[in-house]
PDB file of N, CA and C in Angstrom:
ATOM      1  N   MET A   1     -25.272  14.176  -1.538  1.00  0.00           N
ATOM      2  CA  MET A   1     -24.263  13.757  -0.745  1.00  0.00           C
ATOM      3  C   MET A   1     -24.425  15.227   0.695  1.00  0.00           C
ATOM      4  N   SER A   2     -24.457  14.285   1.947  1.00  0.00           N
ATOM      5  CA  SER A   2     -24.650  14.904   2.833  1.00  0.00           C
ATOM      6  C   SER A   2     -23.528  16.062   3.180  1.00  0.00           C
ATOM      7  N   ASN A   3     -23.708  17.014   4.190  1.00  0.00           N
ATOM      8  CA  ASN A   3     -23.086  18.241   4.487  1.00  0.00           C
ATOM      9  C   ASN A   3     -21.603  17.404   5.101  1.00  0.00           C
ATOM     10  N   ILE A   4     -21.952  16.668   5.840  1.00  0.00           N
ATOM     11  CA  ILE A   4     -20.589  15.870   6.389  1.00  0.00           C
ATOM     12  C   ILE A   4     -19.972  15.344   5.682  1.00  0.00           C
ATOM     13  N   SER A   5     -20.189  14.480   4.761  1.00  0.00           N
ATOM     14  CA  SER A   5     -19.283  14.145   3.363  1.00  0.00           C
ATOM     15  C   SER A   5     -18.421  15.320   2.830  1.00  0.00           C
ATOM     16  N   ILE A   6     -19.647  15.980   2.295  1.00  0.00           N
ATOM     17  CA  ILE A   6     -18.838  17.342   1.704  1.00  0.00           C
ATOM     18  C   ILE A   6     -17.686  17.909   2.546  1.00  0.00           C
ATOM     19  N   ALA A   7     -18.033  18.204   3.939  1.00  0.00           N
ATOM     20  CA  ALA A   7     -16.913  18.865   4.566  1.00  0.00           C
ATOM     21  C   ALA A   7     -15.947  17.895   4.977  1.00  0.00           C
ATOM     22  N   PHE A   8     -16.049  16.764   5.413  1.00  0.00           N
ATOM     23  CA  PHE A   8     -14.666  15.523   4.949  1.00  0.00           C
ATOM     24  C   PHE A   8     -14.254  15.813   3.718  1.00  0.00           C
ATOM     25  N   PHE A   9     -14.656  15.700   2.623  1.00  0.00           N
ATOM     26  CA  PHE A   9     -13.806  15.998   1.858  1.00  0.00           C
ATOM     27  C   PHE A   9     -13.060  17.213   1.110  1.00  0.00           C
ATOM     28  N   GLU A  10     -13.647  17.878   1.847  1.00  0.00           N
ATOM     29  CA  GLU A  10     -12.912  19.578   1.413  1.00  0.00           C
ATOM     30  C   GLU A  10     -11.639  19.591   2.496  1.00  0.00           C
ATOM     31  N   THR A  11     -12.116  18.977   3.743  1.00  0.00           N
ATOM     32  CA  THR A  11     -10.717  18.954   4.995  1.00  0.00           C
ATOM     33  C   THR A  11      -9.688  18.086   4.019  1.00  0.00           C
ATOM     34  N   ILE A  12      -9.721  16.903   3.826  1.00  0.00           N
ATOM     35  CA  ILE A  12      -9.218  16.310   3.201  1.00  0.00           C
ATOM     36  C   ILE A  12      -7.899  17.037   1.805  1.00  0.00           C
ATOM     37  N   GLN A  13      -9.014  17.703   1.175  1.00  0.00           N
ATOM     38  CA  GLN A  13      -8.302  18.506  -0.220  1.00  0.00           C
ATOM     39  C   GLN A  13      -7.472  19.709   0.518  1.00  0.00           C
ATOM     40  N   ILE A  14      -8.030  20.282   1.491  1.00  0.00           N
ATOM     41  CA  ILE A  14      -7.499  21.088   2.436  1.00  0.00           C
ATOM     42  C   ILE A  14      -6.110  20.670   2.859  1.00  0.00           C
ATOM     43  N   VAL A  15      -5.496  19.415   3.595  1.00  0.00           N
ATOM     44  CA  VAL A  15      -4.614  18.748   4.316  1.00  0.00           C
ATOM     45  C   VAL A  15      -4.012  18.498   3.004  1.00  0.00           C
ATOM     46  N   ILE A  16      -4.488  18.267   2.072  1.00  0.00           N
ATOM     47  CA  ILE A  16      -3.589  17.896   0.357  1.00  0.00           C
ATOM     48  C   ILE A  16      -2.518  19.098   0.164  1.00  0.00           C
ATOM     49  N   ASN A  17      -3.387  19.918  -0.177  1.00  0.00           N
ATOM     50  CA  ASN A  17      -2.769  21.556  -0.475  1.00  0.00           C
ATOM     51  C   ASN A  17      -1.556  21.882   0.481  1.00  0.00           C
ATOM     52  N   ILE A  18      -2.259  21.669   1.798  1.00  0.00           N
ATOM     53  CA  ILE A  18      -1.117  22.182   2.887  1.00  0.00           C
ATOM     54  C   ILE A  18       0.035  21.126   2.770  1.00  0.00           C
ATOM     55  N   TYR A  19       0.216  20.116   2.427  1.00  0.00           N
ATOM     56  CA  TYR A  19       1.463  18.854   2.606  1.00  0.00           C
ATOM     57  C   TYR A  19       2.102  19.782   0.917  1.00  0.00           C
ATOM     58  N   ILE A  20       1.139  19.808  -0.235  1.00  0.00           N
ATOM     59  CA  ILE A  20       2.001  20.160  -0.923  1.00  0.00           C
ATOM     60  C   ILE A  20       2.909  21.534  -0.754  1.00  0.00           C
ATOM     61  N   TRP A  21       2.505  22.400  -0.214  1.00  0.00           N
ATOM     62  CA  TRP A  21       3.133  23.637   0.361  1.00  0.00           C
ATOM     63  C   TRP A  21       4.137  23.182   0.938  1.00  0.00           C
ATOM     64  N   ILE A  22       3.722  22.470   1.836  1.00  0.00           N
ATOM     65  CA  ILE A  22       5.065  21.917   3.143  1.00  0.00           C
ATOM     66  C   ILE A  22       6.094  21.128   2.047  1.00  0.00           C
ATOM     67  N   ILE A  23       5.836  20.132   1.205  1.00  0.00           N
ATOM     68  CA  ILE A  23       7.105  19.763   0.280  1.00  0.00           C
ATOM     69  C   ILE A  23       7.467  20.787  -0.503  1.00  0.00           C
ATOM     70  N   ILE A  24       7.025  21.927  -1.390  1.00  0.00           N
ATOM     71  CA  ILE A  24       7.387  22.511  -2.006  1.00  0.00           C
ATOM     72  C   ILE A  24       8.237  23.491  -1.160  1.00  0.00           C
ATOM     73  N   ILE A  25       8.580  23.826  -0.163  1.00  0.00           N
ATOM     74  CA  ILE A  25       8.661  24.873   0.839  1.00  0.00           C
ATOM     75  C   ILE A  25      10.260  23.953   1.585  1.00  0.00           C
ATOM     76  N   SER A  26       9.981  22.790   1.687  1.00  0.00           N
ATOM     77  CA  SER A  26      11.154  21.981   1.954  1.00  0.00           C
ATOM     78  C   SER A  26      12.140  21.771   0.685  1.00  0.00           C
ATOM     79  N   ALA A  27      11.677  21.715  -0.449  1.00  0.00           N
ATOM     80  CA  ALA A  27      12.575  21.458  -1.584  1.00  0.00           C
ATOM     81  C   ALA A  27      13.039  22.914  -1.815  1.00  0.00           C
ATOM     82  N   LEU A  28      12.524  24.180  -1.482  1.00  0.00           N
ATOM     83  CA  LEU A  28      13.090  25.393  -1.701  1.00  0.00           C
ATOM     84  C   LEU A  28      14.373  25.433  -0.898  1.00  0.00           C
ATOM     85  N   ILE A  29      14.243  24.981   0.374  1.00  0.00           N
ATOM     86  CA  ILE A  29      15.223  25.317   1.688  1.00  0.00           C
ATOM     87  C   ILE A  29      16.219  24.044   1.119  1.00  0.00           C
ATOM     88  N   SER A  30      15.802  23.267   0.827  1.00  0.00           N
ATOM     89  CA  SER A  30      17.267  22.348   0.717  1.00  0.00           C
ATOM     90  C   SER A  30      17.972  22.737  -0.198  1.00  0.00           C
ATOM     91  N   TRP A  31      17.594  23.907  -1.190  1.00  0.00           N
ATOM     92  CA  TRP A  31      18.826  24.277  -2.284  1.00  0.00           C
ATOM     93  C   TRP A  31      20.059  25.425  -1.501  1.00  0.00           C
ATOM     94  N   VAL A  32      19.751  25.501  -0.174  1.00  0.00           N
ATOM     95  CA  VAL A  32      20.313  26.714   0.302  1.00  0.00           C
ATOM     96  C   VAL A  32      20.979  26.216   1.301  1.00  0.00           C
ATOM     97  N   ARG A  33      21.812  24.804   1.763  1.00  0.00           N
ATOM     98  CA  ARG A  33      22.181  24.342   2.850  1.00  0.00           C
ATOM     99  C   ARG A  33      22.041  24.536   3.971  1.00  0.00           C
ATOM    100  N   PRO A  34      20.785  24.220   4.784  1.00  0.00           N
ATOM    101  CA  PRO A  34      20.067  25.037   5.642  1.00  0.00           C
ATOM    102  C   PRO A  34      20.990  24.030   6.932  1.00  0.00           C
ATOM    103  N   ASP A  35      20.968  24.738   8.336  1.00  0.00           N
ATOM    104  CA  ASP A  35      21.190  24.450   9.693  1.00  0.00           C
ATOM    105  C   ASP A  35      20.089  23.119   9.900  1.00  0.00           C
ATOM    106  N   PRO A  36      20.955  21.762   9.841  1.00  0.00           N
ATOM    107  CA  PRO A  36      20.110  20.604  10.095  1.00  0.00           C
ATOM    108  C   PRO A  36      19.294  20.819  11.661  1.00  0.00           C
ATOM    109  N   TYR A  37      19.786  21.634  12.678  1.00  0.00           N
ATOM    110  CA  TYR A  37      19.675  22.051  14.130  1.00  0.00           C
ATOM    111  C   TYR A  37      18.642  23.008  14.098  1.00  0.00           C
ATOM    112  N   ASN A  38      18.155  23.370  12.884  1.00  0.00           N
ATOM    113  CA  ASN A  38      16.897  24.662  13.124  1.00  0.00           C
ATOM    114  C   ASN A  38      15.912  23.911  13.260  1.00  0.00           C
ATOM    115  N   PRO A  39      14.430  24.296  14.277  1.00  0.00           N
ATOM    116  CA  PRO A  39      13.650  23.339  14.426  1.00  0.00           C
ATOM    117  C   PRO A  39      12.595  23.701  13.331  1.00  0.00           C
ATOM    118  N   ILE A  40      12.671  24.780  12.229  1.00  0.00           N
ATOM    119  CA  ILE A  40      11.898  24.902  11.267  1.00  0.00           C
ATOM    120  C   ILE A  40      12.394  23.590   9.865  1.00  0.00           C
ATOM    121  N   VAL A  41      13.606  23.325  10.079  1.00  0.00           N
ATOM    122  CA  VAL A  41      14.059  22.573   9.189  1.00  0.00           C
ATOM    123  C   VAL A  41      13.817  21.055   9.363  1.00  0.00           C
ATOM    124  N   ARG A  42      14.152  20.991  10.899  1.00  0.00           N
ATOM    125  CA  ARG A  42      13.761  19.588  11.539  1.00  0.00           C
ATOM    126  C   ARG A  42      12.577  19.162  11.074  1.00  0.00           C
ATOM    127  N   THR A  43      11.428  20.086  11.460  1.00  0.00           N
ATOM    128  CA  THR A  43      10.094  19.740  11.137  1.00  0.00           C
ATOM    129  C   THR A  43       9.847  19.698  10.233  1.00  0.00           C
ATOM    130  N   LEU A  44      10.515  20.234   8.809  1.00  0.00           N
ATOM    131  CA  LEU A  44      10.018  19.933   7.323  1.00  0.00           C
ATOM    132  C   LEU A  44      10.467  18.425   7.211  1.00  0.00           C
ATOM    133  N   HIS A  45      11.950  18.300   7.344  1.00  0.00           N
ATOM    134  CA  HIS A  45      12.358  16.840   7.247  1.00  0.00           C
ATOM    135  C   HIS A  45      11.589  16.017   7.922  1.00  0.00           C
ATOM    136  N   SER A  46      11.171  15.753   8.920  1.00  0.00           N
ATOM    137  CA  SER A  46      10.198  15.023   9.447  1.00  0.00           C
ATOM    138  C   SER A  46       9.086  15.061   9.018  1.00  0.00           C
ATOM    139  N   LEU A  47       8.646  15.665   8.642  1.00  0.00           N
ATOM    140  CA  LEU A  47       7.077  15.404   7.616  1.00  0.00           C
ATOM    141  C   LEU A  47       7.463  15.349   6.141  1.00  0.00           C
ATOM    142  N   THR A  48       8.647  15.206   5.813  1.00  0.00           N
ATOM    143  CA  THR A  48       8.792  14.912   4.362  1.00  0.00           C
ATOM    144  C   THR A  48       9.450  13.670   4.240  1.00  0.00           C
ATOM    145  N   GLU A  49      10.306  13.351   4.623  1.00  0.00           N
ATOM    146  CA  GLU A  49      11.282  12.330   4.551  1.00  0.00           C
ATOM    147  C   GLU A  49      10.651  10.828   4.618  1.00  0.00           C
ATOM    148  N   PRO A  50       9.613  10.710   5.332  1.00  0.00           N
ATOM    149  CA  PRO A  50       8.799   9.353   5.682  1.00  0.00           C
ATOM    150  C   PRO A  50       8.570   9.035   4.045  1.00  0.00           C
ATOM    151  N   VAL A  51       7.624   9.880   3.505  1.00  0.00           N
ATOM    152  CA  VAL A  51       7.119   9.483   2.224  1.00  0.00           C
ATOM    153  C   VAL A  51       8.105   9.561   0.855  1.00  0.00           C
ATOM    154  N   TYR A  52       9.083  10.579   1.329  1.00  0.00           N
ATOM    155  CA  TYR A  52      10.449  10.280   0.022  1.00  0.00           C
ATOM    156  C   TYR A  52      10.822   9.358   0.559  1.00  0.00           C
ATOM    157  N   ASN A  53      11.059   8.542   1.323  1.00  0.00           N
ATOM    158  CA  ASN A  53      11.883   7.084   1.585  1.00  0.00           C
ATOM    159  C   ASN A  53      10.831   6.185   0.699  1.00  0.00           C
ATOM    160  N   THR A  54       9.736   6.325   0.795  1.00  0.00           N
ATOM    161  CA  THR A  54       8.770   5.376   0.562  1.00  0.00           C
ATOM    162  C   THR A  54       8.854   5.267  -1.183  1.00  0.00           C
ATOM    163  N   ILE A  55       8.699   6.470  -1.461  1.00  0.00           N
ATOM    164  CA  ILE A  55       9.017   6.767  -2.882  1.00  0.00           C
ATOM    165  C   ILE A  55      10.428   6.428  -3.424  1.00  0.00           C
ATOM    166  N   ARG A  56      11.468   6.791  -2.867  1.00  0.00           N
ATOM    167  CA  ARG A  56      12.590   6.156  -3.035  1.00  0.00           C
ATOM    168  C   ARG A  56      12.768   4.374  -3.085  1.00  0.00           C
ATOM    169  N   LYS A  57      12.236   3.790  -2.882  1.00  0.00           N
ATOM    170  CA  LYS A  57      12.271   2.396  -2.436  1.00  0.00           C
ATOM    171  C   LYS A  57      11.653   1.990  -3.654  1.00  0.00           C
ATOM    172  N   VAL A  58      10.561   2.524  -4.261  1.00  0.00           N
ATOM    173  CA  VAL A  58       9.505   2.155  -5.249  1.00  0.00           C
ATOM    174  C   VAL A  58      10.655   2.776  -6.688  1.00  0.00           C
ATOM    175  N   VAL A  59      10.655   3.739  -6.951  1.00  0.00           N
ATOM    176  CA  VAL A  59      11.103   4.342  -8.262  1.00  0.00           C
ATOM    177  C   VAL A  59      12.600   5.130  -7.865  1.00  0.00           C
ATOM    178  N   PRO A  60      13.414   4.548  -8.875  1.00  0.00           N
ATOM    179  CA  PRO A  60      14.957   5.494  -8.840  1.00  0.00           C
ATOM    180  C   PRO A  60      14.411   7.016  -9.169  1.00  0.00           C
ATOM    181  N   THR A  61      15.069   7.662  -8.190  1.00  0.00           N
ATOM    182  CA  THR A  61      14.485   9.171  -8.114  1.00  0.00           C
ATOM    183  C   THR A  61      15.399  10.276  -8.720  1.00  0.00           C
ATOM    184  N   THR A  62      16.654   9.674  -8.877  1.00  0.00           N
ATOM    185  CA  THR A  62      17.833  10.459  -8.511  1.00  0.00           C
ATOM    186  C   THR A  62      18.224  10.642 -10.308  1.00  0.00           C
ATOM    187  N   PHE A  63      18.346  11.461 -10.878  1.00  0.00           N
ATOM    188  CA  PHE A  63      19.213  12.051 -12.021  1.00  0.00           C
ATOM    189  C   PHE A  63      20.046  12.778 -12.235  1.00  0.00           C
ATOM    190  N   GLY A  64      21.626  12.557 -12.204  1.00  0.00           N
ATOM    191  CA  GLY A  64      22.511  12.992 -11.874  1.00  0.00           C
ATOM    192  C   GLY A  64      22.209  13.567 -10.371  1.00  0.00           C
ATOM    193  N   MET A  65      22.379  14.943 -10.319  1.00  0.00           N
ATOM    194  CA  MET A  65      21.949  15.344  -8.628  1.00  0.00           C
ATOM    195  C   MET A  65      21.185  16.089  -8.468  1.00  0.00           C
ATOM    196  N   ILE A  66      20.216  15.738  -9.544  1.00  0.00           N
ATOM    197  CA  ILE A  66      19.208  16.212  -8.996  1.00  0.00           C
ATOM    198  C   ILE A  66      17.718  14.873  -8.998  1.00  0.00           C
ATOM    199  N   ASP A  67      17.760  15.237  -7.376  1.00  0.00           N
ATOM    200  CA  ASP A  67      16.481  14.455  -6.975  1.00  0.00           C
ATOM    201  C   ASP A  67      15.077  14.999  -7.207  1.00  0.00           C
ATOM    202  N   ILE A  68      14.264  14.007  -8.270  1.00  0.00           N
ATOM    203  CA  ILE A  68      12.682  14.378  -8.450  1.00  0.00           C
ATOM    204  C   ILE A  68      11.872  13.654  -7.712  1.00  0.00           C
ATOM    205  N   THR A  69      12.120  13.047  -6.339  1.00  0.00           N
ATOM    206  CA  THR A  69      10.668  12.772  -5.243  1.00  0.00           C
ATOM    207  C   THR A  69       9.919  13.878  -5.013  1.00  0.00           C
ATOM    208  N   PRO A  70      10.555  15.112  -4.732  1.00  0.00           N
ATOM    209  CA  PRO A  70       9.394  16.017  -4.457  1.00  0.00           C
ATOM    210  C   PRO A  70       8.232  15.997  -5.473  1.00  0.00           C
ATOM    211  N   MET A  71       9.075  16.206  -6.728  1.00  0.00           N
ATOM    212  CA  MET A  71       7.915  16.221  -7.924  1.00  0.00           C
ATOM    213  C   MET A  71       6.725  14.918  -7.797  1.00  0.00           C
ATOM    214  N   ILE A  72       7.488  13.997  -7.688  1.00  0.00           N
ATOM    215  CA  ILE A  72       6.553  12.934  -7.694  1.00  0.00           C
ATOM    216  C   ILE A  72       5.532  12.862  -6.711  1.00  0.00           C
ATOM    217  N   VAL A  73       6.099  13.245  -5.758  1.00  0.00           N
ATOM    218  CA  VAL A  73       4.833  13.247  -4.704  1.00  0.00           C
ATOM    219  C   VAL A  73       4.012  14.259  -5.007  1.00  0.00           C
ATOM    220  N   ILE A  74       4.505  15.558  -5.308  1.00  0.00           N
ATOM    221  CA  ILE A  74       3.209  16.580  -5.477  1.00  0.00           C
ATOM    222  C   ILE A  74       2.246  15.934  -6.973  1.00  0.00           C
ATOM    223  N   PHE A  75       2.739  15.186  -7.643  1.00  0.00           N
ATOM    224  CA  PHE A  75       1.954  14.569  -9.122  1.00  0.00           C
ATOM    225  C   PHE A  75       1.168  13.462  -8.137  1.00  0.00           C
ATOM    226  N   ILE A  76       0.964  12.805  -7.740  1.00  0.00           N
ATOM    227  CA  ILE A  76       0.493  11.930  -6.983  1.00  0.00           C
ATOM    228  C   ILE A  76      -0.662  12.558  -5.998  1.00  0.00           C
ATOM    229  N   LEU A  77      -0.207  13.693  -5.283  1.00  0.00           N
ATOM    230  CA  LEU A  77      -1.120  14.239  -4.353  1.00  0.00           C
ATOM    231  C   LEU A  77      -2.038  15.075  -5.277  1.00  0.00           C
ATOM    232  N   ILE A  78      -1.585  15.642  -6.327  1.00  0.00           N
ATOM    233  CA  ILE A  78      -2.644  16.595  -7.469  1.00  0.00           C
ATOM    234  C   ILE A  78      -3.529  15.219  -7.852  1.00  0.00           C
ATOM    235  N   PHE A  79      -3.162  13.900  -8.077  1.00  0.00           N
ATOM    236  CA  PHE A  79      -4.055  13.346  -8.612  1.00  0.00           C
ATOM    237  C   PHE A  79      -4.823  12.702  -7.706  1.00  0.00           C
ATOM    238  N   LEU A  80      -4.780  12.533  -6.434  1.00  0.00           N
ATOM    239  CA  LEU A  80      -5.632  11.919  -5.376  1.00  0.00           C
ATOM    240  C   LEU A  80      -6.638  12.919  -5.010  1.00  0.00           C
ATOM    241  N   SER A  81      -6.072  14.726  -4.847  1.00  0.00           N
ATOM    242  CA  SER A  81      -6.869  15.879  -4.775  1.00  0.00           C
ATOM    243  C   SER A  81      -7.954  15.499  -6.080  1.00  0.00           C
ATOM    244  N   ASN A  82      -7.680  15.647  -7.275  1.00  0.00           N
ATOM    245  CA  ASN A  82      -8.803  15.639  -8.500  1.00  0.00           C
ATOM    246  C   ASN A  82      -9.289  14.054  -8.490  1.00  0.00           C
ATOM    247  N   LEU A  83      -9.097  12.979  -7.993  1.00  0.00           N
ATOM    248  CA  LEU A  83      -9.713  11.822  -7.704  1.00  0.00           C
ATOM    249  C   LEU A  83     -10.844  12.122  -6.575  1.00  0.00           C
ATOM    250  N   ILE A  84     -10.345  12.788  -5.428  1.00  0.00           N
ATOM    251  CA  ILE A  84     -11.496  13.456  -4.340  1.00  0.00           C
ATOM    252  C   ILE A  84     -12.186  13.953  -4.922  1.00  0.00           C
ATOM    253  N   ALA A  85     -11.815  15.263  -5.812  1.00  0.00           N
ATOM    254  CA  ALA A  85     -12.843  16.067  -6.293  1.00  0.00           C
ATOM    255  C   ALA A  85     -14.015  15.566  -6.852  1.00  0.00           C
ATOM    256  N   ARG A  86     -13.488  14.453  -7.711  1.00  0.00           N
ATOM    257  CA  ARG A  86     -14.500  14.009  -9.141  1.00  0.00           C
ATOM    258  C   ARG A  86     -15.629  13.030  -7.744  1.00  0.00           C
ATOM    259  N   TYR A  87     -14.964  12.236  -7.192  1.00  0.00           N
ATOM    260  CA  TYR A  87     -15.568  11.349  -6.299  1.00  0.00           C
ATOM    261  C   TYR A  87     -16.827  12.623  -5.267  1.00  0.00           C
ATOM    262  N   ALA A  88     -16.386  13.414  -4.737  1.00  0.00           N
ATOM    263  CA  ALA A  88     -16.738  14.044  -3.880  1.00  0.00           C
ATOM    264  C   ALA A  88     -18.291  14.787  -4.474  1.00  0.00           C
ATOM    265  N   PHE A  89     -17.846  15.794  -5.744  1.00  0.00           N
ATOM    266  CA  PHE A  89     -18.857  16.508  -6.639  1.00  0.00           C
ATOM    267  C   PHE A  89     -19.113  15.680  -7.646  1.00  0.00           C
TER     268      PHE A  89
END
């Protein structure tokens, strides 16, 4: 495999890992009633909610008062990351 394709797959891996951390940070912040006008909170919300809404349309994600959408998205991203790693290497 050429160096360009390896660099491309590694870049995708990095983007997936960054997005996983964004989801984790967003989930942690959601536990403490953040200020909805804070720019960081708004950015995290705008980065995660489109993906969450897509998952919520397909799978029922609330059990009691717990929303498991972030965990589902993280599992999907880990699966994709592993799939890309197997394909690339």
